[in-house]
Protein backbone atom coordinates (compact mmCIF):
# COMPACT_ATOMS: atom_id res chain seq x y z
CA MET A 1 130.75 53.83 -46.91
CA ASP A 2 130.67 53.91 -50.65
CA THR A 3 128.22 56.43 -52.00
CA GLY A 4 129.08 55.85 -55.63
CA GLY A 5 128.00 59.45 -56.15
CA ALA A 6 124.43 58.57 -55.09
CA SER A 7 123.21 61.98 -53.96
CA LYS A 8 119.80 60.69 -52.89
CA TYR A 9 121.34 58.83 -49.92
CA LYS A 10 123.39 61.74 -48.56
CA SER A 11 121.30 62.38 -45.46
CA SER A 12 121.54 58.78 -44.24
CA TYR A 13 125.33 58.93 -43.80
CA GLU A 14 125.57 61.21 -40.76
CA ALA A 15 125.88 58.32 -38.30
CA GLU A 16 128.60 56.82 -40.46
CA TYR A 17 130.51 60.11 -40.52
CA LYS A 18 130.50 60.22 -36.72
CA LYS A 19 131.86 56.74 -36.10
CA ALA A 20 134.33 56.40 -38.97
CA GLU A 21 138.03 56.25 -38.19
CA GLY A 22 139.23 57.34 -41.62
CA PHE A 23 137.89 58.45 -44.96
CA ILE A 24 138.90 58.00 -48.56
CA VAL A 25 137.13 60.45 -50.84
CA VAL A 26 137.57 59.95 -54.58
CA PHE A 27 136.64 62.35 -57.34
CA ASP A 28 137.10 62.34 -61.10
CA LEU A 29 139.80 64.76 -62.30
CA THR A 30 137.92 65.10 -65.59
CA SER A 31 134.65 66.20 -63.95
CA GLN A 32 134.04 69.58 -62.32
CA GLU A 33 130.73 68.21 -61.00
CA SER A 34 132.50 65.34 -59.24
CA PHE A 35 135.01 67.74 -57.64
CA ASP A 36 132.24 70.15 -56.60
CA GLU A 37 130.23 67.40 -54.92
CA VAL A 38 133.27 66.35 -52.89
CA SER A 39 134.25 69.91 -51.99
CA ASP A 40 130.76 71.32 -51.41
CA TYR A 41 129.07 68.40 -49.71
CA PHE A 42 131.09 65.38 -48.63
CA LEU A 43 134.17 67.01 -47.11
CA PRO A 44 132.22 69.66 -45.16
CA LYS A 45 129.93 66.92 -43.80
CA ILE A 46 132.86 64.71 -42.84
CA ARG A 47 134.50 67.55 -40.92
CA GLU A 48 131.21 68.66 -39.38
CA TYR A 49 130.70 65.26 -37.78
CA ASN A 50 134.28 64.01 -37.47
CA ASP A 51 136.93 66.70 -37.29
CA ASP A 52 139.85 64.47 -36.30
CA ALA A 53 139.81 61.35 -38.47
CA PRO A 54 142.35 61.04 -41.28
CA VAL A 55 141.02 61.92 -44.72
CA LEU A 56 142.60 61.04 -48.03
CA ILE A 57 141.29 62.84 -51.09
CA ILE A 58 142.07 61.05 -54.34
CA GLY A 59 141.84 62.65 -57.75
CA ASN A 60 141.38 59.73 -60.14
CA LYS A 61 141.94 59.44 -63.90
CA LYS A 62 145.20 61.37 -63.94
CA ASP A 63 146.07 59.51 -67.13
CA LEU A 64 143.40 61.51 -69.02
CA LYS A 65 145.52 64.66 -69.25
CA ASP A 66 143.64 66.17 -72.21
CA SER A 67 140.28 65.87 -70.42
CA ARG A 68 141.47 67.14 -67.05
CA LYS A 69 139.31 69.82 -65.42
CA ILE A 70 140.86 69.99 -61.91
CA SER A 71 144.45 71.17 -61.46
CA LEU A 72 146.97 69.66 -59.07
CA ASN A 73 146.95 72.87 -57.01
CA GLU A 74 143.16 72.81 -56.72
CA GLY A 75 143.44 69.30 -55.26
CA PHE A 76 146.10 70.36 -52.76
CA ASP A 77 144.14 73.49 -51.81
CA LEU A 78 141.06 71.40 -51.13
CA ALA A 79 143.09 69.01 -48.99
CA ASP A 80 144.61 71.89 -47.03
CA LYS A 81 141.17 73.35 -46.36
CA TYR A 82 139.90 70.08 -44.86
CA LYS A 83 143.07 68.85 -43.07
CA ALA A 84 143.47 66.00 -45.52
CA ASP A 85 146.05 64.32 -47.70
CA TYR A 86 145.82 64.53 -51.46
CA GLU A 87 146.95 62.05 -54.10
CA GLU A 88 146.30 61.61 -57.77
CA THR A 89 145.98 58.15 -59.22
CA SER A 90 145.03 56.26 -62.31
CA CYS A 91 143.58 52.79 -62.39
CA VAL A 92 144.96 52.43 -65.92
CA GLU A 93 148.62 53.32 -65.31
CA ASN A 94 150.64 50.58 -63.63
CA ASN A 95 152.97 52.95 -61.81
CA SER A 96 150.42 55.39 -60.45
CA ASN A 97 151.07 54.87 -56.70
CA LEU A 98 147.64 53.35 -56.08
CA TYR A 99 148.88 50.74 -53.61
CA GLN A 100 151.10 53.18 -51.74
CA THR A 101 148.19 55.60 -51.52
CA PHE A 102 145.98 53.06 -49.78
CA GLU A 103 148.80 51.79 -47.57
CA GLY A 104 149.38 55.37 -46.42
CA ILE A 105 145.78 55.96 -45.31
CA ILE A 106 145.72 52.58 -43.57
CA GLU A 107 148.78 53.61 -41.53
CA GLN A 108 147.13 56.93 -40.67
CA VAL A 109 143.95 55.18 -39.53
CA LYS A 110 146.02 52.84 -37.35
CA ASP A 111 147.78 55.85 -35.81
CA TYR A 112 144.43 57.58 -35.29
CA ILE A 113 142.99 54.54 -33.50
CA GLU A 114 146.10 54.33 -31.28
CA MET A 115 145.74 58.01 -30.40
CA LYS A 116 142.04 57.59 -29.55
CA GLU A 117 142.91 54.66 -27.29
CA HIS A 118 145.74 56.70 -25.74
CA TYR A 119 143.33 59.50 -24.85
CA GLU A 120 140.70 57.10 -23.52
CA ASN A 121 143.20 55.08 -21.45
CA ASN A 122 144.70 58.22 -19.91
CA ASN A 123 141.38 59.98 -19.34
CA ILE A 124 142.41 62.91 -21.49
CA ASN A 125 139.24 64.76 -22.37
CA ASN A 126 140.32 66.53 -25.48
CA ASN A 127 139.83 66.26 -29.20
CA ILE A 128 142.60 64.41 -30.93
CA TYR A 129 144.79 66.88 -32.68
CA LEU A 130 146.95 65.48 -35.39
CA GLN A 131 148.84 68.04 -37.40
CA GLY A 132 147.81 68.40 -41.01
CA ASN A 133 149.50 66.29 -43.59
CA ASN A 134 149.99 68.63 -46.49
CA GLU A 135 153.22 70.53 -46.29
CA ARG A 136 152.59 73.37 -48.68
CA ASP A 137 156.12 73.43 -49.95
CA ASN A 138 157.02 72.95 -53.57
CA ASN A 139 158.68 69.61 -52.90
CA ASN A 140 155.45 67.91 -51.95
CA ARG A 141 153.41 69.51 -54.68
CA ASN A 142 156.01 68.74 -57.32
CA ASN A 143 156.41 65.15 -56.14
CA ASN A 144 152.64 64.78 -55.58
CA ASN A 145 153.24 62.73 -52.46
CA GLY A 146 150.81 64.69 -50.31
CA GLY A 147 153.29 64.98 -47.45
CA ASN A 148 152.10 61.81 -45.77
CA ASN A 149 153.84 62.56 -42.51
CA ARG A 150 151.05 62.86 -39.96
CA ASN A 151 152.49 63.83 -36.59
CA ARG A 152 151.71 62.58 -33.14
CA CYS A 153 149.47 64.17 -30.57
CA LYS A 154 150.69 67.64 -29.60
CA LYS A 155 149.54 67.22 -25.99
CA CYS A 156 151.57 64.11 -25.11
């Protein structure tokens, strides 16, 4: 679902939150309002209706360093709070890891679908628990790779 920041349609997305198998949430690093809408509305709603699906939070416009309002640590803290990955990208910079970012969430969604099928096929009545992705060590924050190392089911 692409809201394009359209606040007036927020209430109609609850069914989409429930059935989604992954989320990509993008905010503008140069806009506190954009960050606040993601952190105060969209991420809480996603986790309210779908606590297990992979979530990738993307801070966009990292090339606009002088206009930046949201720090790297604020992005990682938000991701930690909502069991998500965090990346920063720029659509302007050629080497801004945009393709790798999307490939990473696609792999996580594939893993998530496999885990759901595993639980269903083995009649395991339990929420899927995939360990969080953000290792809070300095390596990941300094490299800004978000620690994309989602682990397997702890039960099996």
